[in-house]
Amino acid sequence: MADKIDDGPISTEERRQSDRTRLIVDVFFDGKDATGVASTTDISVGGLYMKMQTELPEGSLLLMRIPLGGDRQVVVNGEVVYSKPGQGVGVRFHGLSPTDRAMLEEALGKV
């Protein structure tokens, strides 16, 4: 088996495994160093970007609640994989259940 050759840094676009969709909702998050509400500007079944003034370093673990309208919501763990202090963070989901994935896909119009 051949090893993958690392040709340098990979852009954020190339690291994404799922296409992002523009969906603006408030995301409730709880982490070791910060708790609050932030708005998302784009989201996929793999993660999201949250606009926030709070600084969360890369590697921070979060529990997030994403309301999808009505009584529907997704609760998922995430890890900060990109941080731009004072502007926002990119978060990769961990352990998204099949039920939550289906709800998220439906909300994003991917079904």
PDB file of N, CA and C in Angstrom:
ATOM      1  N   MET A   1       0.852  -1.165   0.000  1.00  0.00           N
ATOM      2  CA  MET A   1       0.000   0.000   0.000  1.00  0.00           C
ATOM      3  C   MET A   1       0.899   1.230   0.000  1.00  0.00           C
ATOM      4  N   ALA A   2       0.546   2.196  -0.830  1.00  0.00           N
ATOM      5  CA  ALA A   2       1.338   3.419  -0.947  1.00  0.00           C
ATOM      6  C   ALA A   2       0.932   4.410   0.124  1.00  0.00           C
ATOM      7  N   ASP A   3       1.911   5.137   0.619  1.00  0.00           N
ATOM      8  CA  ASP A   3       1.635   6.198   1.577  1.00  0.00           C
ATOM      9  C   ASP A   3       1.247   7.455   0.829  1.00  0.00           C
ATOM     10  N   LYS A   4       0.382   8.253   1.427  1.00  0.00           N
ATOM     11  CA  LYS A   4       0.012   9.529   0.843  1.00  0.00           C
ATOM     12  C   LYS A   4       1.166  10.506   1.019  1.00  0.00           C
ATOM     13  N   ILE A   5       1.504  11.207  -0.035  1.00  0.00           N
ATOM     14  CA  ILE A   5       2.592  12.179   0.014  1.00  0.00           C
ATOM     15  C   ILE A   5       2.018  13.521   0.414  1.00  0.00           C
ATOM     16  N   ASP A   6       2.642  14.149   1.396  1.00  0.00           N
ATOM     17  CA  ASP A   6       2.216  15.458   1.859  1.00  0.00           C
ATOM     18  C   ASP A   6       2.948  16.523   1.056  1.00  0.00           C
ATOM     19  N   ASP A   7       2.194  17.239   0.230  1.00  0.00           N
ATOM     20  CA  ASP A   7       2.783  18.282  -0.604  1.00  0.00           C
ATOM     21  C   ASP A   7       2.643  19.664   0.015  1.00  0.00           C
ATOM     22  N   GLY A   8       2.360  19.745   1.300  1.00  0.00           N
ATOM     23  CA  GLY A   8       2.229  21.039   1.961  1.00  0.00           C
ATOM     24  C   GLY A   8       0.842  21.224   2.514  1.00  0.00           C
ATOM     25  N   PRO A   9       0.550  22.445   2.930  1.00  0.00           N
ATOM     26  CA  PRO A   9      -0.740  22.718   3.563  1.00  0.00           C
ATOM     27  C   PRO A   9      -1.900  22.488   2.596  1.00  0.00           C
ATOM     28  N   ILE A  10      -3.005  22.027   3.161  1.00  0.00           N
ATOM     29  CA  ILE A  10      -4.214  21.808   2.379  1.00  0.00           C
ATOM     30  C   ILE A  10      -5.180  22.934   2.692  1.00  0.00           C
ATOM     31  N   SER A  11      -5.794  23.492   1.656  1.00  0.00           N
ATOM     32  CA  SER A  11      -6.728  24.596   1.877  1.00  0.00           C
ATOM     33  C   SER A  11      -7.959  24.103   2.613  1.00  0.00           C
ATOM     34  N   THR A  12      -8.674  25.032   3.231  1.00  0.00           N
ATOM     35  CA  THR A  12      -9.896  24.695   3.951  1.00  0.00           C
ATOM     36  C   THR A  12     -10.885  24.027   3.022  1.00  0.00           C
ATOM     37  N   GLU A  13     -11.025  24.521   1.797  1.00  0.00           N
ATOM     38  CA  GLU A  13     -11.963  23.938   0.846  1.00  0.00           C
ATOM     39  C   GLU A  13     -11.630  22.483   0.564  1.00  0.00           C
ATOM     40  N   GLU A  14     -10.346  22.149   0.437  1.00  0.00           N
ATOM     41  CA  GLU A  14      -9.945  20.783   0.123  1.00  0.00           C
ATOM     42  C   GLU A  14     -10.127  19.850   1.309  1.00  0.00           C
ATOM     43  N   ARG A  15     -10.093  20.372   2.552  1.00  0.00           N
ATOM     44  CA  ARG A  15     -10.253  19.536   3.740  1.00  0.00           C
ATOM     45  C   ARG A  15     -11.701  19.149   3.956  1.00  0.00           C
ATOM     46  N   ARG A  16     -12.633  19.930   3.467  1.00  0.00           N
ATOM     47  CA  ARG A  16     -14.048  19.646   3.688  1.00  0.00           C
ATOM     48  C   ARG A  16     -14.452  18.388   2.956  1.00  0.00           C
ATOM     49  N   GLN A  17     -15.190  17.542   3.647  1.00  0.00           N
ATOM     50  CA  GLN A  17     -15.678  16.321   3.043  1.00  0.00           C
ATOM     51  C   GLN A  17     -17.132  16.451   2.622  1.00  0.00           C
ATOM     52  N   SER A  18     -17.802  17.527   3.002  1.00  0.00           N
ATOM     53  CA  SER A  18     -19.200  17.751   2.659  1.00  0.00           C
ATOM     54  C   SER A  18     -19.360  19.178   2.164  1.00  0.00           C
ATOM     55  N   ASP A  19     -20.211  19.349   1.154  1.00  0.00           N
ATOM     56  CA  ASP A  19     -20.482  20.688   0.649  1.00  0.00           C
ATOM     57  C   ASP A  19     -21.248  21.478   1.689  1.00  0.00           C
ATOM     58  N   ARG A  20     -20.872  22.737   1.849  1.00  0.00           N
ATOM     59  CA  ARG A  20     -21.561  23.594   2.811  1.00  0.00           C
ATOM     60  C   ARG A  20     -22.708  24.323   2.122  1.00  0.00           C
ATOM     61  N   THR A  21     -23.748  24.592   2.898  1.00  0.00           N
ATOM     62  CA  THR A  21     -24.918  25.318   2.426  1.00  0.00           C
ATOM     63  C   THR A  21     -25.100  26.530   3.316  1.00  0.00           C
ATOM     64  N   ARG A  22     -25.538  27.631   2.724  1.00  0.00           N
ATOM     65  CA  ARG A  22     -25.777  28.830   3.507  1.00  0.00           C
ATOM     66  C   ARG A  22     -27.063  28.639   4.304  1.00  0.00           C
ATOM     67  N   LEU A  23     -26.932  28.589   5.606  1.00  0.00           N
ATOM     68  CA  LEU A  23     -28.065  28.460   6.516  1.00  0.00           C
ATOM     69  C   LEU A  23     -27.725  29.283   7.742  1.00  0.00           C
ATOM     70  N   ILE A  24     -28.528  30.282   8.003  1.00  0.00           N
ATOM     71  CA  ILE A  24     -28.254  31.165   9.128  1.00  0.00           C
ATOM     72  C   ILE A  24     -29.201  30.816  10.272  1.00  0.00           C
ATOM     73  N   VAL A  25     -28.640  30.250  11.331  1.00  0.00           N
ATOM     74  CA  VAL A  25     -29.392  29.922  12.547  1.00  0.00           C
ATOM     75  C   VAL A  25     -28.504  30.227  13.738  1.00  0.00           C
ATOM     76  N   ASP A  26     -29.119  30.381  14.886  1.00  0.00           N
ATOM     77  CA  ASP A  26     -28.352  30.539  16.119  1.00  0.00           C
ATOM     78  C   ASP A  26     -27.961  29.158  16.621  1.00  0.00           C
ATOM     79  N   VAL A  27     -26.698  28.991  16.960  1.00  0.00           N
ATOM     80  CA  VAL A  27     -26.183  27.730  17.482  1.00  0.00           C
ATOM     81  C   VAL A  27     -25.823  27.952  18.946  1.00  0.00           C
ATOM     82  N   PHE A  28     -26.334  27.098  19.805  1.00  0.00           N
ATOM     83  CA  PHE A  28     -26.031  27.160  21.223  1.00  0.00           C
ATOM     84  C   PHE A  28     -24.854  26.225  21.471  1.00  0.00           C
ATOM     85  N   PHE A  29     -23.795  26.742  22.087  1.00  0.00           N
ATOM     86  CA  PHE A  29     -22.614  25.916  22.290  1.00  0.00           C
ATOM     87  C   PHE A  29     -22.165  25.963  23.739  1.00  0.00           C
ATOM     88  N   ASP A  30     -21.541  24.874  24.149  1.00  0.00           N
ATOM     89  CA  ASP A  30     -21.019  24.755  25.498  1.00  0.00           C
ATOM     90  C   ASP A  30     -19.672  24.050  25.407  1.00  0.00           C
ATOM     91  N   GLY A  31     -18.641  24.725  25.878  1.00  0.00           N
ATOM     92  CA  GLY A  31     -17.297  24.166  25.862  1.00  0.00           C
ATOM     93  C   GLY A  31     -16.628  24.392  27.195  1.00  0.00           C
ATOM     94  N   LYS A  32     -15.452  23.885  27.326  1.00  0.00           N
ATOM     95  CA  LYS A  32     -14.715  24.007  28.580  1.00  0.00           C
ATOM     96  C   LYS A  32     -14.461  25.467  28.950  1.00  0.00           C
ATOM     97  N   ASP A  33     -14.088  26.273  27.941  1.00  0.00           N
ATOM     98  CA  ASP A  33     -13.708  27.658  28.207  1.00  0.00           C
ATOM     99  C   ASP A  33     -14.765  28.691  27.823  1.00  0.00           C
ATOM    100  N   ALA A  34     -15.840  28.261  27.167  1.00  0.00           N
ATOM    101  CA  ALA A  34     -16.838  29.240  26.725  1.00  0.00           C
ATOM    102  C   ALA A  34     -18.196  28.577  26.519  1.00  0.00           C
ATOM    103  N   THR A  35     -19.228  29.348  26.807  1.00  0.00           N
ATOM    104  CA  THR A  35     -20.605  28.928  26.589  1.00  0.00           C
ATOM    105  C   THR A  35     -21.342  30.119  26.004  1.00  0.00           C
ATOM    106  N   GLY A  36     -22.217  29.866  25.045  1.00  0.00           N
ATOM    107  CA  GLY A  36     -22.956  30.973  24.484  1.00  0.00           C
ATOM    108  C   GLY A  36     -23.771  30.606  23.269  1.00  0.00           C
ATOM    109  N   VAL A  37     -24.131  31.654  22.532  1.00  0.00           N
ATOM    110  CA  VAL A  37     -24.913  31.523  21.315  1.00  0.00           C
ATOM    111  C   VAL A  37     -24.159  32.247  20.214  1.00  0.00           C
ATOM    112  N   ALA A  38     -24.063  31.608  19.050  1.00  0.00           N
ATOM    113  CA  ALA A  38     -23.407  32.232  17.900  1.00  0.00           C
ATOM    114  C   ALA A  38     -24.239  31.928  16.663  1.00  0.00           C
ATOM    115  N   SER A  39     -24.123  32.765  15.649  1.00  0.00           N
ATOM    116  CA  SER A  39     -24.859  32.492  14.418  1.00  0.00           C
ATOM    117  C   SER A  39     -23.944  31.755  13.447  1.00  0.00           C
ATOM    118  N   THR A  40     -24.549  30.858  12.692  1.00  0.00           N
ATOM    119  CA  THR A  40     -23.806  30.142  11.676  1.00  0.00           C
ATOM    120  C   THR A  40     -24.095  30.781  10.322  1.00  0.00           C
ATOM    121  N   THR A  41     -23.106  30.811   9.468  1.00  0.00           N
ATOM    122  CA  THR A  41     -23.308  31.356   8.124  1.00  0.00           C
ATOM    123  C   THR A  41     -23.333  30.261   7.076  1.00  0.00           C
ATOM    124  N   ASP A  42     -22.695  29.149   7.381  1.00  0.00           N
ATOM    125  CA  ASP A  42     -22.785  28.009   6.485  1.00  0.00           C
ATOM    126  C   ASP A  42     -22.608  26.737   7.290  1.00  0.00           C
ATOM    127  N   ILE A  43     -23.221  25.666   6.775  1.00  0.00           N
ATOM    128  CA  ILE A  43     -23.281  24.420   7.528  1.00  0.00           C
ATOM    129  C   ILE A  43     -23.363  23.256   6.551  1.00  0.00           C
ATOM    130  N   SER A  44     -22.877  22.104   6.980  1.00  0.00           N
ATOM    131  CA  SER A  44     -22.999  20.864   6.222  1.00  0.00           C
ATOM    132  C   SER A  44     -23.183  19.737   7.227  1.00  0.00           C
ATOM    133  N   VAL A  45     -23.300  18.509   6.738  1.00  0.00           N
ATOM    134  CA  VAL A  45     -23.405  17.382   7.652  1.00  0.00           C
ATOM    135  C   VAL A  45     -22.057  17.088   8.299  1.00  0.00           C
ATOM    136  N   GLY A  46     -21.000  17.743   7.838  1.00  0.00           N
ATOM    137  CA  GLY A  46     -19.675  17.539   8.410  1.00  0.00           C
ATOM    138  C   GLY A  46     -19.252  18.588   9.412  1.00  0.00           C
ATOM    139  N   GLY A  47     -19.894  19.766   9.373  1.00  0.00           N
ATOM    140  CA  GLY A  47     -19.505  20.829  10.285  1.00  0.00           C
ATOM    141  C   GLY A  47     -20.161  22.144   9.940  1.00  0.00           C
ATOM    142  N   LEU A  48     -19.656  23.206  10.570  1.00  0.00           N
ATOM    143  CA  LEU A  48     -20.246  24.526  10.355  1.00  0.00           C
ATOM    144  C   LEU A  48     -19.228  25.610  10.661  1.00  0.00           C
ATOM    145  N   TYR A  49     -19.587  26.832  10.291  1.00  0.00           N
ATOM    146  CA  TYR A  49     -18.804  28.011  10.646  1.00  0.00           C
ATOM    147  C   TYR A  49     -19.679  28.887  11.509  1.00  0.00           C
ATOM    148  N   MET A  50     -19.180  29.283  12.682  1.00  0.00           N
ATOM    149  CA  MET A  50     -19.932  30.151  13.587  1.00  0.00           C
ATOM    150  C   MET A  50     -19.254  31.509  13.662  1.00  0.00           C
ATOM    151  N   LYS A  51     -20.052  32.563  13.492  1.00  0.00           N
ATOM    152  CA  LYS A  51     -19.550  33.927  13.687  1.00  0.00           C
ATOM    153  C   LYS A  51     -19.644  34.245  15.161  1.00  0.00           C
ATOM    154  N   MET A  52     -18.521  34.680  15.748  1.00  0.00           N
ATOM    155  CA  MET A  52     -18.517  34.996  17.176  1.00  0.00           C
ATOM    156  C   MET A  52     -17.335  35.882  17.525  1.00  0.00           C
ATOM    157  N   GLN A  53     -17.506  36.657  18.576  1.00  0.00           N
ATOM    158  CA  GLN A  53     -16.427  37.483  19.096  1.00  0.00           C
ATOM    159  C   GLN A  53     -15.557  36.702  20.087  1.00  0.00           C
ATOM    160  N   THR A  54     -16.152  35.673  20.708  1.00  0.00           N
ATOM    161  CA  THR A  54     -15.431  34.856  21.672  1.00  0.00           C
ATOM    162  C   THR A  54     -14.288  34.126  20.982  1.00  0.00           C
ATOM    163  N   GLU A  55     -13.139  34.066  21.640  1.00  0.00           N
ATOM    164  CA  GLU A  55     -12.003  33.345  21.077  1.00  0.00           C
ATOM    165  C   GLU A  55     -12.030  31.895  21.545  1.00  0.00           C
ATOM    166  N   LEU A  56     -12.062  30.983  20.596  1.00  0.00           N
ATOM    167  CA  LEU A  56     -11.977  29.559  20.889  1.00  0.00           C
ATOM    168  C   LEU A  56     -10.781  29.009  20.128  1.00  0.00           C
ATOM    169  N   PRO A  57      -9.792  28.484  20.818  1.00  0.00           N
ATOM    170  CA  PRO A  57      -8.611  27.968  20.122  1.00  0.00           C
ATOM    171  C   PRO A  57      -8.908  26.681  19.359  1.00  0.00           C
ATOM    172  N   GLU A  58      -8.119  26.441  18.320  1.00  0.00           N
ATOM    173  CA  GLU A  58      -8.230  25.194  17.576  1.00  0.00           C
ATOM    174  C   GLU A  58      -8.046  24.037  18.543  1.00  0.00           C
ATOM    175  N   GLY A  59      -8.834  22.992  18.353  1.00  0.00           N
ATOM    176  CA  GLY A  59      -8.793  21.838  19.241  1.00  0.00           C
ATOM    177  C   GLY A  59      -9.822  21.883  20.354  1.00  0.00           C
ATOM    178  N   SER A  60     -10.479  23.038  20.549  1.00  0.00           N
ATOM    179  CA  SER A  60     -11.515  23.139  21.588  1.00  0.00           C
ATOM    180  C   SER A  60     -12.661  22.194  21.250  1.00  0.00           C
ATOM    181  N   LEU A  61     -13.186  21.525  22.273  1.00  0.00           N
ATOM    182  CA  LEU A  61     -14.319  20.618  22.104  1.00  0.00           C
ATOM    183  C   LEU A  61     -15.586  21.306  22.566  1.00  0.00           C
ATOM    184  N   LEU A  62     -16.650  21.152  21.792  1.00  0.00           N
ATOM    185  CA  LEU A  62     -17.914  21.821  22.075  1.00  0.00           C
ATOM    186  C   LEU A  62     -19.071  20.835  22.012  1.00  0.00           C
ATOM    187  N   LEU A  63     -20.093  21.095  22.791  1.00  0.00           N
ATOM    188  CA  LEU A  63     -21.383  20.449  22.630  1.00  0.00           C
ATOM    189  C   LEU A  63     -22.282  21.523  22.036  1.00  0.00           C
ATOM    190  N   MET A  64     -22.910  21.223  20.894  1.00  0.00           N
ATOM    191  CA  MET A  64     -23.719  22.231  20.196  1.00  0.00           C
ATOM    192  C   MET A  64     -25.152  21.762  20.036  1.00  0.00           C
ATOM    193  N   ARG A  65     -26.054  22.729  20.126  1.00  0.00           N
ATOM    194  CA  ARG A  65     -27.476  22.484  19.857  1.00  0.00           C
ATOM    195  C   ARG A  65     -27.867  23.409  18.719  1.00  0.00           C
ATOM    196  N   ILE A  66     -28.342  22.801  17.626  1.00  0.00           N
ATOM    197  CA  ILE A  66     -28.670  23.552  16.413  1.00  0.00           C
ATOM    198  C   ILE A  66     -30.169  23.435  16.161  1.00  0.00           C
ATOM    199  N   PRO A  67     -30.940  24.492  16.433  1.00  0.00           N
ATOM    200  CA  PRO A  67     -32.380  24.453  16.178  1.00  0.00           C
ATOM    201  C   PRO A  67     -32.652  24.511  14.674  1.00  0.00           C
ATOM    202  N   LEU A  68     -33.581  23.651  14.214  1.00  0.00           N
ATOM    203  CA  LEU A  68     -33.898  23.596  12.785  1.00  0.00           C
ATOM    204  C   LEU A  68     -35.330  24.012  12.487  1.00  0.00           C
ATOM    205  N   GLY A  69     -35.989  24.585  13.456  1.00  0.00           N
ATOM    206  CA  GLY A  69     -37.365  25.040  13.262  1.00  0.00           C
ATOM    207  C   GLY A  69     -38.349  24.097  13.931  1.00  0.00           C
ATOM    208  N   GLY A  70     -39.411  24.671  14.437  1.00  0.00           N
ATOM    209  CA  GLY A  70     -40.387  23.878  15.169  1.00  0.00           C
ATOM    210  C   GLY A  70     -39.731  23.279  16.397  1.00  0.00           C
ATOM    211  N   ASP A  71     -39.997  21.999  16.623  1.00  0.00           N
ATOM    212  CA  ASP A  71     -39.370  21.341  17.768  1.00  0.00           C
ATOM    213  C   ASP A  71     -38.165  20.495  17.346  1.00  0.00           C
ATOM    214  N   ARG A  72     -37.716  20.683  16.112  1.00  0.00           N
ATOM    215  CA  ARG A  72     -36.573  19.912  15.607  1.00  0.00           C
ATOM    216  C   ARG A  72     -35.253  20.602  15.951  1.00  0.00           C
ATOM    217  N   GLN A  73     -34.308  19.810  16.422  1.00  0.00           N
ATOM    218  CA  GLN A  73     -32.975  20.324  16.716  1.00  0.00           C
ATOM    219  C   GLN A  73     -31.969  19.187  16.613  1.00  0.00           C
ATOM    220  N   VAL A  74     -30.741  19.554  16.320  1.00  0.00           N
ATOM    221  CA  VAL A  74     -29.634  18.604  16.279  1.00  0.00           C
ATOM    222  C   VAL A  74     -28.722  18.925  17.459  1.00  0.00           C
ATOM    223  N   VAL A  75     -28.357  17.908  18.210  1.00  0.00           N
ATOM    224  CA  VAL A  75     -27.393  18.056  19.294  1.00  0.00           C
ATOM    225  C   VAL A  75     -26.193  17.203  18.915  1.00  0.00           C
ATOM    226  N   VAL A  76     -25.015  17.843  18.838  1.00  0.00           N
ATOM    227  CA  VAL A  76     -23.827  17.143  18.351  1.00  0.00           C
ATOM    228  C   VAL A  76     -22.563  17.702  19.012  1.00  0.00           C
ATOM    229  N   ASN A  77     -21.569  16.861  19.142  1.00  0.00           N
ATOM    230  CA  ASN A  77     -20.250  17.298  19.602  1.00  0.00           C
ATOM    231  C   ASN A  77     -19.470  17.822  18.413  1.00  0.00           C
ATOM    232  N   GLY A  78     -18.563  18.737  18.676  1.00  0.00           N
ATOM    233  CA  GLY A  78     -17.738  19.277  17.610  1.00  0.00           C
ATOM    234  C   GLY A  78     -16.373  19.680  18.117  1.00  0.00           C
ATOM    235  N   GLU A  79     -15.471  19.852  17.175  1.00  0.00           N
ATOM    236  CA  GLU A  79     -14.110  20.281  17.480  1.00  0.00           C
ATOM    237  C   GLU A  79     -13.767  21.484  16.618  1.00  0.00           C
ATOM    238  N   VAL A  80     -13.223  22.524  17.240  1.00  0.00           N
ATOM    239  CA  VAL A  80     -12.798  23.706  16.504  1.00  0.00           C
ATOM    240  C   VAL A  80     -11.566  23.330  15.675  1.00  0.00           C
ATOM    241  N   VAL A  81     -11.696  23.447  14.349  1.00  0.00           N
ATOM    242  CA  VAL A  81     -10.583  23.106  13.460  1.00  0.00           C
ATOM    243  C   VAL A  81      -9.984  24.341  12.794  1.00  0.00           C
ATOM    244  N   TYR A  82     -10.669  25.472  12.944  1.00  0.00           N
ATOM    245  CA  TYR A  82     -10.187  26.735  12.377  1.00  0.00           C
ATOM    246  C   TYR A  82     -10.675  27.851  13.269  1.00  0.00           C
ATOM    247  N   SER A  83      -9.789  28.754  13.630  1.00  0.00           N
ATOM    248  CA  SER A  83     -10.178  29.858  14.496  1.00  0.00           C
ATOM    249  C   SER A  83      -9.615  31.169  13.963  1.00  0.00           C
ATOM    250  N   LYS A  84     -10.491  32.142  13.825  1.00  0.00           N
ATOM    251  CA  LYS A  84     -10.088  33.488  13.443  1.00  0.00           C
ATOM    252  C   LYS A  84     -10.568  34.398  14.573  1.00  0.00           C
ATOM    253  N   PRO A  85      -9.688  34.663  15.551  1.00  0.00           N
ATOM    254  CA  PRO A  85     -10.093  35.411  16.747  1.00  0.00           C
ATOM    255  C   PRO A  85     -10.850  36.701  16.428  1.00  0.00           C
ATOM    256  N   GLY A  86     -11.963  36.861  17.143  1.00  0.00           N
ATOM    257  CA  GLY A  86     -12.789  38.048  16.969  1.00  0.00           C
ATOM    258  C   GLY A  86     -13.750  37.966  15.791  1.00  0.00           C
ATOM    259  N   GLN A  87     -13.654  36.899  14.983  1.00  0.00           N
ATOM    260  CA  GLN A  87     -14.539  36.775  13.818  1.00  0.00           C
ATOM    261  C   GLN A  87     -15.356  35.491  13.824  1.00  0.00           C
ATOM    262  N   GLY A  88     -14.701  34.355  14.095  1.00  0.00           N
ATOM    263  CA  GLY A  88     -15.453  33.115  14.106  1.00  0.00           C
ATOM    264  C   GLY A  88     -14.585  31.883  14.116  1.00  0.00           C
ATOM    265  N   VAL A  89     -15.266  30.719  14.082  1.00  0.00           N
ATOM    266  CA  VAL A  89     -14.576  29.436  14.119  1.00  0.00           C
ATOM    267  C   VAL A  89     -15.234  28.442  13.170  1.00  0.00           C
ATOM    268  N   GLY A  90     -14.417  27.559  12.632  1.00  0.00           N
ATOM    269  CA  GLY A  90     -14.900  26.426  11.863  1.00  0.00           C
ATOM    270  C   GLY A  90     -14.907  25.216  12.767  1.00  0.00           C
ATOM    271  N   VAL A  91     -16.003  24.454  12.748  1.00  0.00           N
ATOM    272  CA  VAL A  91     -16.169  23.321  13.648  1.00  0.00           C
ATOM    273  C   VAL A  91     -16.480  22.061  12.840  1.00  0.00           C
ATOM    274  N   ARG A  92     -15.779  20.988  13.168  1.00  0.00           N
ATOM    275  CA  ARG A  92     -16.056  19.678  12.559  1.00  0.00           C
ATOM    276  C   ARG A  92     -16.897  18.884  13.540  1.00  0.00           C
ATOM    277  N   PHE A  93     -18.007  18.296  13.035  1.00  0.00           N
ATOM    278  CA  PHE A  93     -18.867  17.483  13.889  1.00  0.00           C
ATOM    279  C   PHE A  93     -18.211  16.149  14.195  1.00  0.00           C
ATOM    280  N   HIS A  94     -18.509  15.627  15.400  1.00  0.00           N
ATOM    281  CA  HIS A  94     -18.070  14.300  15.822  1.00  0.00           C
ATOM    282  C   HIS A  94     -19.289  13.546  16.332  1.00  0.00           C
ATOM    283  N   GLY A  95     -19.532  12.365  15.816  1.00  0.00           N
ATOM    284  CA  GLY A  95     -20.594  11.512  16.333  1.00  0.00           C
ATOM    285  C   GLY A  95     -21.998  11.952  15.963  1.00  0.00           C
ATOM    286  N   LEU A  96     -22.178  12.528  14.783  1.00  0.00           N
ATOM    287  CA  LEU A  96     -23.515  12.915  14.337  1.00  0.00           C
ATOM    288  C   LEU A  96     -24.333  11.646  14.115  1.00  0.00           C
ATOM    289  N   SER A  97     -25.431  11.511  14.835  1.00  0.00           N
ATOM    290  CA  SER A  97     -26.257  10.302  14.732  1.00  0.00           C
ATOM    291  C   SER A  97     -26.948  10.256  13.364  1.00  0.00           C
ATOM    292  N   PRO A  98     -27.324   9.062  12.914  1.00  0.00           N
ATOM    293  CA  PRO A  98     -28.040   8.951  11.634  1.00  0.00           C
ATOM    294  C   PRO A  98     -29.339   9.765  11.622  1.00  0.00           C
ATOM    295  N   THR A  99     -30.042   9.802  12.752  1.00  0.00           N
ATOM    296  CA  THR A  99     -31.291  10.574  12.828  1.00  0.00           C
ATOM    297  C   THR A  99     -30.999  12.066  12.683  1.00  0.00           C
ATOM    298  N   ASP A 100     -29.983  12.557  13.413  1.00  0.00           N
ATOM    299  CA  ASP A 100     -29.633  13.978  13.320  1.00  0.00           C
ATOM    300  C   ASP A 100     -29.099  14.316  11.931  1.00  0.00           C
ATOM    301  N   ARG A 101     -28.337  13.407  11.334  1.00  0.00           N
ATOM    302  CA  ARG A 101     -27.826  13.629   9.973  1.00  0.00           C
ATOM    303  C   ARG A 101     -28.993  13.774   8.993  1.00  0.00           C
ATOM    304  N   ALA A 102     -29.985  12.911   9.104  1.00  0.00           N
ATOM    305  CA  ALA A 102     -31.150  12.974   8.219  1.00  0.00           C
ATOM    306  C   ALA A 102     -31.906  14.294   8.405  1.00  0.00           C
ATOM    307  N   MET A 103     -32.080  14.733   9.654  1.00  0.00           N
ATOM    308  CA  MET A 103     -32.756  16.019   9.914  1.00  0.00           C
ATOM    309  C   MET A 103     -31.979  17.173   9.304  1.00  0.00           C
ATOM    310  N   LEU A 104     -30.666  17.132   9.476  1.00  0.00           N
ATOM    311  CA  LEU A 104     -29.816  18.195   8.947  1.00  0.00           C
ATOM    312  C   LEU A 104     -29.851  18.201   7.423  1.00  0.00           C
ATOM    313  N   GLU A 105     -29.779  17.034   6.796  1.00  0.00           N
ATOM    314  CA  GLU A 105     -29.847  16.959   5.338  1.00  0.00           C
ATOM    315  C   GLU A 105     -31.177  17.513   4.826  1.00  0.00           C
ATOM    316  N   GLU A 106     -32.255  17.185   5.522  1.00  0.00           N
ATOM    317  CA  GLU A 106     -33.573  17.686   5.121  1.00  0.00           C
ATOM    318  C   GLU A 106     -33.620  19.211   5.237  1.00  0.00           C
ATOM    319  N   ALA A 107     -33.102  19.754   6.334  1.00  0.00           N
ATOM    320  CA  ALA A 107     -33.098  21.199   6.530  1.00  0.00           C
ATOM    321  C   ALA A 107     -32.243  21.903   5.491  1.00  0.00           C
ATOM    322  N   LEU A 108     -31.208  21.218   5.019  1.00  0.00           N
ATOM    323  CA  LEU A 108     -30.316  21.812   4.020  1.00  0.00           C
ATOM    324  C   LEU A 108     -30.793  21.545   2.595  1.00  0.00           C
ATOM    325  N   GLY A 109     -31.910  20.807   2.470  1.00  0.00           N
ATOM    326  CA  GLY A 109     -32.456  20.520   1.138  1.00  0.00           C
ATOM    327  C   GLY A 109     -31.658  19.499   0.370  1.00  0.00           C
ATOM    328  N   LYS A 110     -31.008  18.573   1.073  1.00  0.00           N
ATOM    329  CA  LYS A 110     -30.154  17.579   0.426  1.00  0.00           C
ATOM    330  C   LYS A 110     -30.840  16.228   0.297  1.00  0.00           C
ATOM    331  N   VAL A 111     -32.138  16.152   0.576  1.00  0.00           N
ATOM    332  CA  VAL A 111     -32.827  14.855   0.514  1.00  0.00           C
ATOM    333  C   VAL A 111     -33.531  14.726  -0.803  1.00  0.00           C
TER     334      VAL A 111
END
